[in-house]
Every structure is written in structure tokens, then in C-alpha cells.
Amino acid sequence: MDHNPFRLNLVKSLHTIIWVFFVACILAIPWAASRGDFQLVLVCNALMAIEIAVLALNRARCPLTAVAARYTDDRKPNFDI
């Protein structure tokens, strides 16, 4: 176990940035559809499909959870965000 707070915070920051990105994709879908921008809807849906596939392949766990676990003994819910 490498108790490295800098690396843990780096993983948490990356996780948060990715989460914000996918929330933006989810919110962009109805907004883009209402504007008739179906190309953006398609891109956002494709990105969400990739995210779902990644989660499905990792048994519904974010792959960054395992990375964050390398830097702390904390296993409370959401310790990686």
C-alpha cells in the first residue's frame, strides 16, 4: 500500500472531472434534441454507451476505484471521489 495523498487526490480529481463530463453529456442530450442537433445527441449517446460498457466490464465499478484503493486503506462508500 502506497499511502500517497498526492496520488490519491490526483485520482479523485480525475474521477470528478470524468464524472462532470458524463453529467454534461447526459444533460446535453435533451438540450441538443430540443434544438434539433441530433448529431450531438448521437455523440453524447455513443459516449454514454462507452461509459456503460466500461462499467459493465468492471462489474458496475468505476475502474478508478481500484486505482484509488492503491493509495489509501479507506474503504468507506465513495472513498474514491
N, C-alpha and C. Protein backbone atom coordinates (compact mmCIF):
# COMPACT_ATOMS: atom_id res chain seq x y z
N MET A 1 0.85 -1.18 0.00
CA MET A 1 0.00 0.00 0.00
C MET A 1 0.89 1.24 0.00
N ASP A 2 0.68 2.07 -0.97
CA ASP A 2 1.45 3.32 -1.09
C ASP A 2 0.56 4.47 -0.60
N HIS A 3 0.76 4.89 0.63
CA HIS A 3 -0.06 5.98 1.20
C HIS A 3 0.46 7.31 0.66
N ASN A 4 0.04 7.62 -0.54
CA ASN A 4 0.49 8.83 -1.20
C ASN A 4 -0.70 9.76 -1.40
N PRO A 5 -0.87 10.76 -0.53
CA PRO A 5 -2.04 11.64 -0.63
C PRO A 5 -2.10 12.42 -1.94
N PHE A 6 -0.94 12.75 -2.49
CA PHE A 6 -0.94 13.48 -3.77
C PHE A 6 -1.56 12.62 -4.87
N ARG A 7 -1.13 11.37 -4.95
CA ARG A 7 -1.68 10.48 -5.98
C ARG A 7 -3.15 10.19 -5.75
N LEU A 8 -3.53 10.00 -4.49
CA LEU A 8 -4.95 9.79 -4.19
C LEU A 8 -5.77 10.99 -4.62
N ASN A 9 -5.31 12.19 -4.31
CA ASN A 9 -6.04 13.39 -4.71
C ASN A 9 -6.07 13.54 -6.23
N LEU A 10 -5.01 13.11 -6.90
CA LEU A 10 -4.98 13.14 -8.35
C LEU A 10 -6.04 12.21 -8.94
N VAL A 11 -6.15 11.00 -8.39
CA VAL A 11 -7.16 10.05 -8.85
C VAL A 11 -8.56 10.59 -8.56
N LYS A 12 -8.76 11.16 -7.37
CA LYS A 12 -10.06 11.74 -7.03
C LYS A 12 -10.41 12.89 -7.97
N SER A 13 -9.44 13.71 -8.30
CA SER A 13 -9.70 14.83 -9.21
C SER A 13 -10.05 14.33 -10.60
N LEU A 14 -9.30 13.35 -11.08
CA LEU A 14 -9.59 12.77 -12.39
C LEU A 14 -10.98 12.15 -12.41
N HIS A 15 -11.32 11.44 -11.34
CA HIS A 15 -12.64 10.82 -11.24
C HIS A 15 -13.74 11.88 -11.29
N THR A 16 -13.54 12.98 -10.60
CA THR A 16 -14.52 14.06 -10.58
C THR A 16 -14.66 14.71 -11.95
N ILE A 17 -13.55 14.94 -12.62
CA ILE A 17 -13.58 15.54 -13.96
C ILE A 17 -14.34 14.64 -14.92
N ILE A 18 -14.08 13.34 -14.86
CA ILE A 18 -14.79 12.39 -15.74
C ILE A 18 -16.27 12.37 -15.40
N TRP A 19 -16.59 12.39 -14.12
CA TRP A 19 -18.00 12.40 -13.70
C TRP A 19 -18.71 13.65 -14.23
N VAL A 20 -18.08 14.80 -14.09
CA VAL A 20 -18.68 16.05 -14.59
C VAL A 20 -18.89 15.97 -16.10
N PHE A 21 -17.91 15.42 -16.81
CA PHE A 21 -18.03 15.27 -18.26
C PHE A 21 -19.26 14.44 -18.63
N PHE A 22 -19.45 13.31 -17.96
CA PHE A 22 -20.59 12.46 -18.30
C PHE A 22 -21.92 13.05 -17.85
N VAL A 23 -21.94 13.79 -16.76
CA VAL A 23 -23.16 14.52 -16.37
C VAL A 23 -23.49 15.54 -17.45
N ALA A 24 -22.47 16.21 -17.96
CA ALA A 24 -22.70 17.18 -19.05
C ALA A 24 -23.25 16.49 -20.28
N CYS A 25 -22.75 15.30 -20.59
CA CYS A 25 -23.29 14.54 -21.74
C CYS A 25 -24.76 14.21 -21.53
N ILE A 26 -25.10 13.76 -20.32
CA ILE A 26 -26.49 13.41 -20.03
C ILE A 26 -27.38 14.64 -20.17
N LEU A 27 -26.94 15.76 -19.64
CA LEU A 27 -27.75 16.99 -19.73
C LEU A 27 -27.81 17.53 -21.15
N ALA A 28 -26.77 17.28 -21.93
CA ALA A 28 -26.73 17.79 -23.31
C ALA A 28 -27.69 17.05 -24.22
N ILE A 29 -28.03 15.82 -23.91
CA ILE A 29 -28.89 15.03 -24.80
C ILE A 29 -30.25 15.69 -25.00
N PRO A 30 -31.03 15.96 -23.94
CA PRO A 30 -32.33 16.60 -24.18
C PRO A 30 -32.19 18.03 -24.73
N TRP A 31 -31.16 18.75 -24.28
CA TRP A 31 -30.94 20.11 -24.77
C TRP A 31 -30.66 20.09 -26.27
N ALA A 32 -29.76 19.23 -26.71
CA ALA A 32 -29.43 19.16 -28.14
C ALA A 32 -30.62 18.66 -28.95
N ALA A 33 -31.37 17.72 -28.42
CA ALA A 33 -32.54 17.22 -29.13
C ALA A 33 -33.58 18.33 -29.30
N SER A 34 -33.76 19.15 -28.28
CA SER A 34 -34.74 20.24 -28.38
C SER A 34 -34.33 21.28 -29.42
N ARG A 35 -33.04 21.37 -29.69
CA ARG A 35 -32.53 22.29 -30.71
C ARG A 35 -32.43 21.62 -32.09
N GLY A 36 -32.72 20.33 -32.13
CA GLY A 36 -32.64 19.61 -33.40
C GLY A 36 -31.22 19.21 -33.79
N ASP A 37 -30.29 19.27 -32.85
CA ASP A 37 -28.90 18.90 -33.11
C ASP A 37 -28.71 17.42 -32.81
N PHE A 38 -29.18 16.59 -33.73
CA PHE A 38 -29.16 15.15 -33.48
C PHE A 38 -27.78 14.54 -33.66
N GLN A 39 -26.89 15.25 -34.28
CA GLN A 39 -25.51 14.76 -34.36
C GLN A 39 -24.88 14.80 -32.96
N LEU A 40 -25.11 15.88 -32.22
CA LEU A 40 -24.61 15.97 -30.86
C LEU A 40 -25.29 14.93 -29.96
N VAL A 41 -26.58 14.71 -30.18
CA VAL A 41 -27.30 13.67 -29.42
C VAL A 41 -26.63 12.32 -29.67
N LEU A 42 -26.31 12.03 -30.91
CA LEU A 42 -25.67 10.76 -31.26
C LEU A 42 -24.30 10.63 -30.59
N VAL A 43 -23.51 11.69 -30.62
CA VAL A 43 -22.18 11.67 -29.99
C VAL A 43 -22.31 11.44 -28.49
N CYS A 44 -23.21 12.16 -27.85
CA CYS A 44 -23.39 12.01 -26.40
C CYS A 44 -23.88 10.61 -26.05
N ASN A 45 -24.80 10.08 -26.86
CA ASN A 45 -25.28 8.72 -26.62
C ASN A 45 -24.16 7.70 -26.81
N ALA A 46 -23.32 7.91 -27.80
CA ALA A 46 -22.20 7.00 -28.03
C ALA A 46 -21.21 7.04 -26.86
N LEU A 47 -20.93 8.24 -26.37
CA LEU A 47 -20.04 8.36 -25.21
C LEU A 47 -20.63 7.69 -23.98
N MET A 48 -21.93 7.85 -23.78
CA MET A 48 -22.58 7.20 -22.65
C MET A 48 -22.56 5.68 -22.81
N ALA A 49 -22.72 5.19 -24.03
CA ALA A 49 -22.66 3.75 -24.28
C ALA A 49 -21.27 3.20 -23.93
N ILE A 50 -20.24 3.96 -24.26
CA ILE A 50 -18.88 3.54 -23.91
C ILE A 50 -18.73 3.49 -22.39
N GLU A 51 -19.23 4.50 -21.71
CA GLU A 51 -19.17 4.52 -20.24
C GLU A 51 -19.91 3.33 -19.65
N ILE A 52 -21.07 3.03 -20.18
CA ILE A 52 -21.86 1.89 -19.68
C ILE A 52 -21.10 0.59 -19.92
N ALA A 53 -20.47 0.46 -21.08
CA ALA A 53 -19.69 -0.75 -21.39
C ALA A 53 -18.51 -0.89 -20.42
N VAL A 54 -17.83 0.20 -20.13
CA VAL A 54 -16.70 0.16 -19.20
C VAL A 54 -17.19 -0.29 -17.82
N LEU A 55 -18.29 0.27 -17.37
CA LEU A 55 -18.83 -0.12 -16.07
C LEU A 55 -19.30 -1.58 -16.08
N ALA A 56 -19.92 -2.01 -17.17
CA ALA A 56 -20.38 -3.40 -17.26
C ALA A 56 -19.20 -4.37 -17.24
N LEU A 57 -18.13 -4.03 -17.91
CA LEU A 57 -16.96 -4.90 -17.95
C LEU A 57 -16.22 -4.93 -16.61
N ASN A 58 -16.49 -3.94 -15.76
CA ASN A 58 -15.85 -3.87 -14.44
C ASN A 58 -16.83 -4.18 -13.31
N ARG A 59 -17.84 -4.96 -13.62
CA ARG A 59 -18.84 -5.38 -12.62
C ARG A 59 -19.49 -4.20 -11.91
N ALA A 60 -19.86 -3.19 -12.68
CA ALA A 60 -20.57 -1.99 -12.20
C ALA A 60 -19.72 -1.13 -11.26
N ARG A 61 -18.40 -1.27 -11.37
CA ARG A 61 -17.49 -0.44 -10.57
C ARG A 61 -16.65 0.42 -11.50
N CYS A 62 -16.41 1.63 -11.08
CA CYS A 62 -15.53 2.50 -11.84
C CYS A 62 -14.11 1.94 -11.76
N PRO A 63 -13.41 1.86 -12.88
CA PRO A 63 -12.04 1.36 -12.83
C PRO A 63 -11.11 2.22 -11.97
N LEU A 64 -11.45 3.47 -11.79
CA LEU A 64 -10.61 4.33 -10.96
C LEU A 64 -10.71 4.00 -9.47
N THR A 65 -11.74 3.26 -9.08
CA THR A 65 -11.87 2.85 -7.68
C THR A 65 -10.70 1.96 -7.29
N ALA A 66 -10.34 1.03 -8.16
CA ALA A 66 -9.21 0.15 -7.88
C ALA A 66 -7.90 0.93 -7.84
N VAL A 67 -7.78 1.94 -8.69
CA VAL A 67 -6.57 2.77 -8.69
C VAL A 67 -6.49 3.55 -7.38
N ALA A 68 -7.59 4.15 -6.97
CA ALA A 68 -7.60 4.93 -5.72
C ALA A 68 -7.31 4.04 -4.52
N ALA A 69 -7.75 2.79 -4.56
CA ALA A 69 -7.54 1.86 -3.45
C ALA A 69 -6.06 1.58 -3.20
N ARG A 70 -5.23 1.81 -4.20
CA ARG A 70 -3.79 1.60 -4.03
C ARG A 70 -3.16 2.61 -3.08
N TYR A 71 -3.84 3.74 -2.87
CA TYR A 71 -3.23 4.84 -2.14
C TYR A 71 -3.87 5.14 -0.79
N THR A 72 -4.80 4.30 -0.36
CA THR A 72 -5.44 4.51 0.94
C THR A 72 -6.03 3.20 1.46
N ASP A 73 -6.15 3.12 2.78
CA ASP A 73 -6.82 1.98 3.40
C ASP A 73 -8.32 2.24 3.56
N ASP A 74 -8.74 3.46 3.33
CA ASP A 74 -10.14 3.87 3.49
C ASP A 74 -11.01 3.13 2.49
N ARG A 75 -12.06 2.49 2.95
CA ARG A 75 -12.98 1.81 2.06
C ARG A 75 -14.44 2.22 2.32
N LYS A 76 -14.60 3.42 2.90
CA LYS A 76 -15.97 3.92 3.08
C LYS A 76 -16.60 4.09 1.71
N PRO A 77 -17.92 4.08 1.64
CA PRO A 77 -18.57 4.34 0.35
C PRO A 77 -18.08 5.67 -0.23
N ASN A 78 -17.79 5.66 -1.50
CA ASN A 78 -17.34 6.84 -2.24
C ASN A 78 -15.99 7.38 -1.78
N PHE A 79 -15.14 6.52 -1.24
CA PHE A 79 -13.82 6.98 -0.79
C PHE A 79 -12.98 7.50 -1.95
N ASP A 80 -13.35 7.11 -3.16
CA ASP A 80 -12.55 7.44 -4.34
C ASP A 80 -12.99 8.71 -5.04
N ILE A 81 -13.96 9.42 -4.48
CA ILE A 81 -14.40 10.67 -5.12
C ILE A 81 -14.27 11.84 -4.17
